[in-house]
Amino acid sequence: MKEYKVGDIVYIKSLSWYQNSPKDIWGCVNIPKFFVSDMSFYCGRQAKIMEVLKSDIKFYKIDIDTKNHIWTDQMFDNNKYRKEKLLNIEKI
């Protein structure tokens, strides 16, 4: 698994990944922590790592869900992993 740091850009796994993954009776995918059904709203989206929580595995907080969920490496699409920092390209 890739290790992410604060500021890294990640992509949440696709909606088709979620739809095709085995789920429990509540719609959660266990990979090893639960990808709960309401997290599927973020599938395929780009996010920025805002916080890294270290335990037996690394957990991440991301910007697009206002840091409401706990994310793990397995919930991100490694093929779209970007090391660069998010650049603010908005025009003044």
N, C-alpha and C. Protein backbone atom coordinates (compact mmCIF):
# COMPACT_ATOMS: atom_id res chain seq x y z
N MET A 1 0.83 -1.19 0.00
CA MET A 1 0.00 0.00 0.00
C MET A 1 0.88 1.25 0.00
N LYS A 2 0.39 2.24 -0.67
CA LYS A 2 1.07 3.54 -0.70
C LYS A 2 0.87 4.22 0.65
N GLU A 3 1.86 5.00 1.03
CA GLU A 3 1.70 5.82 2.23
C GLU A 3 1.48 7.25 1.79
N TYR A 4 0.47 7.86 2.33
CA TYR A 4 0.10 9.22 1.97
C TYR A 4 0.48 10.16 3.10
N LYS A 5 0.68 11.41 2.73
CA LYS A 5 0.99 12.43 3.74
C LYS A 5 0.05 13.61 3.54
N VAL A 6 0.00 14.46 4.53
CA VAL A 6 -0.86 15.64 4.46
C VAL A 6 -0.52 16.43 3.20
N GLY A 7 -1.55 16.81 2.47
CA GLY A 7 -1.38 17.58 1.24
C GLY A 7 -1.40 16.73 -0.02
N ASP A 8 -1.23 15.42 0.11
CA ASP A 8 -1.28 14.55 -1.07
C ASP A 8 -2.68 14.53 -1.66
N ILE A 9 -2.72 14.39 -2.98
CA ILE A 9 -3.98 14.28 -3.70
C ILE A 9 -4.25 12.79 -3.93
N VAL A 10 -5.46 12.37 -3.61
CA VAL A 10 -5.87 10.97 -3.80
C VAL A 10 -7.20 10.96 -4.55
N TYR A 11 -7.51 9.80 -5.08
CA TYR A 11 -8.79 9.60 -5.75
C TYR A 11 -9.51 8.45 -5.05
N ILE A 12 -10.75 8.68 -4.67
CA ILE A 12 -11.55 7.63 -4.04
C ILE A 12 -11.86 6.58 -5.11
N LYS A 13 -11.88 5.32 -4.70
CA LYS A 13 -12.18 4.25 -5.66
C LYS A 13 -13.51 4.53 -6.36
N SER A 14 -13.69 3.91 -7.52
CA SER A 14 -14.84 4.19 -8.38
C SER A 14 -16.16 3.65 -7.83
N LEU A 15 -17.23 4.20 -8.34
CA LEU A 15 -18.56 3.73 -7.97
C LEU A 15 -18.76 2.29 -8.43
N SER A 16 -18.21 1.93 -9.58
CA SER A 16 -18.34 0.53 -10.04
C SER A 16 -17.60 -0.42 -9.10
N TRP A 17 -16.47 0.02 -8.51
CA TRP A 17 -15.78 -0.79 -7.51
C TRP A 17 -16.72 -1.04 -6.33
N TYR A 18 -17.36 0.02 -5.84
CA TYR A 18 -18.27 -0.11 -4.71
C TYR A 18 -19.45 -1.03 -5.05
N GLN A 19 -20.04 -0.81 -6.21
CA GLN A 19 -21.21 -1.59 -6.60
C GLN A 19 -20.89 -3.08 -6.77
N ASN A 20 -19.67 -3.39 -7.19
CA ASN A 20 -19.28 -4.78 -7.44
C ASN A 20 -18.59 -5.46 -6.27
N SER A 21 -18.37 -4.75 -5.18
CA SER A 21 -17.72 -5.33 -4.00
C SER A 21 -18.74 -6.00 -3.09
N PRO A 22 -18.35 -7.12 -2.45
CA PRO A 22 -19.25 -7.75 -1.48
C PRO A 22 -19.51 -6.81 -0.30
N LYS A 23 -20.75 -6.79 0.15
CA LYS A 23 -21.14 -5.89 1.24
C LYS A 23 -21.88 -6.67 2.32
N ASP A 24 -21.89 -6.09 3.52
CA ASP A 24 -22.69 -6.66 4.59
C ASP A 24 -24.15 -6.20 4.43
N ILE A 25 -24.99 -6.53 5.37
CA ILE A 25 -26.42 -6.21 5.23
C ILE A 25 -26.71 -4.71 5.28
N TRP A 26 -25.73 -3.91 5.71
CA TRP A 26 -25.90 -2.46 5.77
C TRP A 26 -25.27 -1.75 4.57
N GLY A 27 -24.71 -2.51 3.63
CA GLY A 27 -24.09 -1.93 2.45
C GLY A 27 -22.66 -1.50 2.64
N CYS A 28 -22.00 -2.02 3.67
CA CYS A 28 -20.62 -1.66 3.96
C CYS A 28 -19.64 -2.68 3.37
N VAL A 29 -18.54 -2.19 2.80
CA VAL A 29 -17.47 -3.04 2.29
C VAL A 29 -16.39 -3.08 3.36
N ASN A 30 -15.93 -4.28 3.72
CA ASN A 30 -14.91 -4.43 4.76
C ASN A 30 -13.54 -4.62 4.10
N ILE A 31 -12.66 -3.58 4.16
CA ILE A 31 -11.38 -3.62 3.43
C ILE A 31 -10.17 -3.05 4.16
N PRO A 32 -9.67 -3.23 5.27
CA PRO A 32 -10.11 -4.00 6.42
C PRO A 32 -11.03 -3.20 7.33
N LYS A 33 -11.03 -1.89 7.21
CA LYS A 33 -12.02 -1.09 7.96
C LYS A 33 -13.20 -0.88 7.03
N PHE A 34 -14.32 -0.51 7.59
CA PHE A 34 -15.53 -0.41 6.79
C PHE A 34 -15.59 0.82 5.90
N PHE A 35 -15.88 0.57 4.62
CA PHE A 35 -16.23 1.61 3.66
C PHE A 35 -17.75 1.65 3.72
N VAL A 36 -18.29 2.58 4.51
CA VAL A 36 -19.73 2.62 4.77
C VAL A 36 -20.47 3.14 3.54
N SER A 37 -21.72 2.78 3.43
CA SER A 37 -22.50 3.08 2.23
C SER A 37 -22.54 4.56 1.88
N ASP A 38 -22.61 5.45 2.86
CA ASP A 38 -22.67 6.88 2.51
C ASP A 38 -21.33 7.42 1.99
N MET A 39 -20.24 6.66 2.14
CA MET A 39 -18.96 7.05 1.55
C MET A 39 -18.98 6.90 0.04
N SER A 40 -19.90 6.08 -0.47
CA SER A 40 -19.98 5.87 -1.92
C SER A 40 -20.30 7.16 -2.67
N PHE A 41 -20.86 8.14 -1.98
CA PHE A 41 -21.12 9.46 -2.58
C PHE A 41 -19.83 10.07 -3.13
N TYR A 42 -18.69 9.74 -2.52
CA TYR A 42 -17.41 10.32 -2.89
C TYR A 42 -16.64 9.47 -3.91
N CYS A 43 -17.18 8.35 -4.33
CA CYS A 43 -16.49 7.46 -5.27
C CYS A 43 -16.10 8.20 -6.55
N GLY A 44 -14.86 7.99 -6.96
CA GLY A 44 -14.34 8.59 -8.18
C GLY A 44 -13.88 10.03 -8.04
N ARG A 45 -14.04 10.61 -6.88
CA ARG A 45 -13.69 12.02 -6.69
C ARG A 45 -12.25 12.19 -6.22
N GLN A 46 -11.73 13.35 -6.50
CA GLN A 46 -10.40 13.73 -6.04
C GLN A 46 -10.53 14.35 -4.66
N ALA A 47 -9.55 14.06 -3.81
CA ALA A 47 -9.55 14.63 -2.46
C ALA A 47 -8.12 14.95 -2.05
N LYS A 48 -8.02 15.76 -1.02
CA LYS A 48 -6.72 16.13 -0.46
C LYS A 48 -6.64 15.56 0.95
N ILE A 49 -5.52 14.92 1.28
CA ILE A 49 -5.30 14.41 2.63
C ILE A 49 -5.11 15.60 3.57
N MET A 50 -5.96 15.67 4.59
CA MET A 50 -5.90 16.77 5.56
C MET A 50 -5.23 16.36 6.87
N GLU A 51 -5.30 15.07 7.19
CA GLU A 51 -4.77 14.59 8.47
C GLU A 51 -4.42 13.12 8.34
N VAL A 52 -3.32 12.70 8.96
CA VAL A 52 -2.91 11.30 8.99
C VAL A 52 -2.97 10.83 10.43
N LEU A 53 -3.73 9.77 10.67
CA LEU A 53 -3.86 9.19 12.01
C LEU A 53 -3.15 7.85 12.00
N LYS A 54 -2.21 7.65 12.92
CA LYS A 54 -1.44 6.41 12.93
C LYS A 54 -1.94 5.49 14.02
N SER A 55 -2.13 4.24 13.63
CA SER A 55 -2.56 3.18 14.54
C SER A 55 -1.87 1.92 14.03
N ASP A 56 -2.53 0.75 14.15
CA ASP A 56 -1.97 -0.46 13.57
C ASP A 56 -1.96 -0.33 12.04
N ILE A 57 -2.87 0.47 11.50
CA ILE A 57 -2.84 0.86 10.09
C ILE A 57 -3.05 2.37 10.04
N LYS A 58 -2.68 2.99 8.93
CA LYS A 58 -2.85 4.44 8.82
C LYS A 58 -4.29 4.76 8.43
N PHE A 59 -4.81 5.78 9.06
CA PHE A 59 -6.12 6.32 8.73
C PHE A 59 -5.93 7.74 8.24
N TYR A 60 -6.86 8.17 7.40
CA TYR A 60 -6.75 9.50 6.81
C TYR A 60 -8.06 10.25 6.94
N LYS A 61 -7.94 11.56 7.09
CA LYS A 61 -9.09 12.48 7.00
C LYS A 61 -8.87 13.27 5.72
N ILE A 62 -9.95 13.48 4.96
CA ILE A 62 -9.84 14.18 3.68
C ILE A 62 -10.74 15.41 3.66
N ASP A 63 -10.46 16.28 2.71
CA ASP A 63 -11.16 17.56 2.67
C ASP A 63 -12.59 17.48 2.16
N ILE A 64 -12.89 16.63 1.20
CA ILE A 64 -14.19 16.70 0.54
C ILE A 64 -15.36 16.23 1.39
N ASP A 65 -15.09 15.52 2.47
CA ASP A 65 -16.19 15.12 3.36
C ASP A 65 -16.11 15.86 4.70
N THR A 66 -15.45 17.00 4.69
CA THR A 66 -15.22 17.83 5.88
C THR A 66 -14.68 17.01 7.06
N LYS A 67 -13.83 16.04 6.73
CA LYS A 67 -13.16 15.18 7.71
C LYS A 67 -14.13 14.38 8.57
N ASN A 68 -15.29 14.02 8.01
CA ASN A 68 -16.29 13.25 8.76
C ASN A 68 -15.99 11.77 8.85
N HIS A 69 -15.34 11.20 7.83
CA HIS A 69 -15.08 9.76 7.78
C HIS A 69 -13.61 9.47 8.03
N ILE A 70 -13.36 8.23 8.37
CA ILE A 70 -12.00 7.72 8.48
C ILE A 70 -11.75 6.89 7.22
N TRP A 71 -10.69 7.21 6.48
CA TRP A 71 -10.36 6.55 5.22
C TRP A 71 -9.08 5.75 5.40
N THR A 72 -8.92 4.68 4.62
CA THR A 72 -7.69 3.88 4.63
C THR A 72 -7.12 3.82 3.22
N ASP A 73 -5.87 3.35 3.12
CA ASP A 73 -5.20 3.22 1.82
C ASP A 73 -6.04 2.45 0.81
N GLN A 74 -6.71 1.40 1.28
CA GLN A 74 -7.48 0.52 0.39
C GLN A 74 -8.69 1.21 -0.22
N MET A 75 -9.06 2.36 0.28
CA MET A 75 -10.23 3.08 -0.23
C MET A 75 -9.86 4.05 -1.36
N PHE A 76 -8.54 4.19 -1.60
CA PHE A 76 -8.07 5.10 -2.64
C PHE A 76 -7.63 4.30 -3.85
N ASP A 77 -7.77 4.92 -5.02
CA ASP A 77 -7.37 4.30 -6.28
C ASP A 77 -5.88 4.58 -6.49
N ASN A 78 -5.04 3.57 -6.27
CA ASN A 78 -3.59 3.75 -6.38
C ASN A 78 -3.14 4.08 -7.79
N ASN A 79 -3.91 3.72 -8.79
CA ASN A 79 -3.53 4.03 -10.17
C ASN A 79 -3.61 5.52 -10.45
N LYS A 80 -4.36 6.25 -9.64
CA LYS A 80 -4.50 7.69 -9.84
C LYS A 80 -3.75 8.49 -8.78
N TYR A 81 -2.91 7.83 -8.01
CA TYR A 81 -2.19 8.49 -6.93
C TYR A 81 -1.31 9.62 -7.46
N ARG A 82 -1.38 10.74 -6.83
CA ARG A 82 -0.57 11.90 -7.21
C ARG A 82 0.20 12.38 -5.99
N LYS A 83 1.51 12.59 -6.14
CA LYS A 83 2.33 13.05 -5.02
C LYS A 83 2.33 14.56 -4.88
N GLU A 84 1.99 15.25 -5.96
CA GLU A 84 2.08 16.71 -5.89
C GLU A 84 1.04 17.29 -4.96
N LYS A 85 1.33 18.45 -4.44
CA LYS A 85 0.39 19.16 -3.57
C LYS A 85 -0.69 19.78 -4.42
N LEU A 86 -1.86 19.92 -3.86
CA LEU A 86 -2.96 20.58 -4.56
C LEU A 86 -2.58 22.04 -4.78
N LEU A 87 -2.66 22.46 -6.04
CA LEU A 87 -2.33 23.83 -6.38
C LEU A 87 -3.61 24.65 -6.53
N ASN A 88 -3.59 25.82 -5.99
CA ASN A 88 -4.73 26.71 -6.13
C ASN A 88 -4.57 27.47 -7.44
N ILE A 89 -5.43 27.15 -8.43
CA ILE A 89 -5.31 27.77 -9.74
C ILE A 89 -6.47 28.70 -10.04
N GLU A 90 -7.21 29.05 -9.01
CA GLU A 90 -8.32 29.98 -9.21
C GLU A 90 -7.78 31.36 -9.58
N LYS A 91 -8.47 32.01 -10.47
CA LYS A 91 -8.07 33.37 -10.86
C LYS A 91 -8.67 34.37 -9.91
N ILE A 92 -7.93 35.40 -9.66
CA ILE A 92 -8.39 36.47 -8.76
C ILE A 92 -9.34 37.38 -9.51
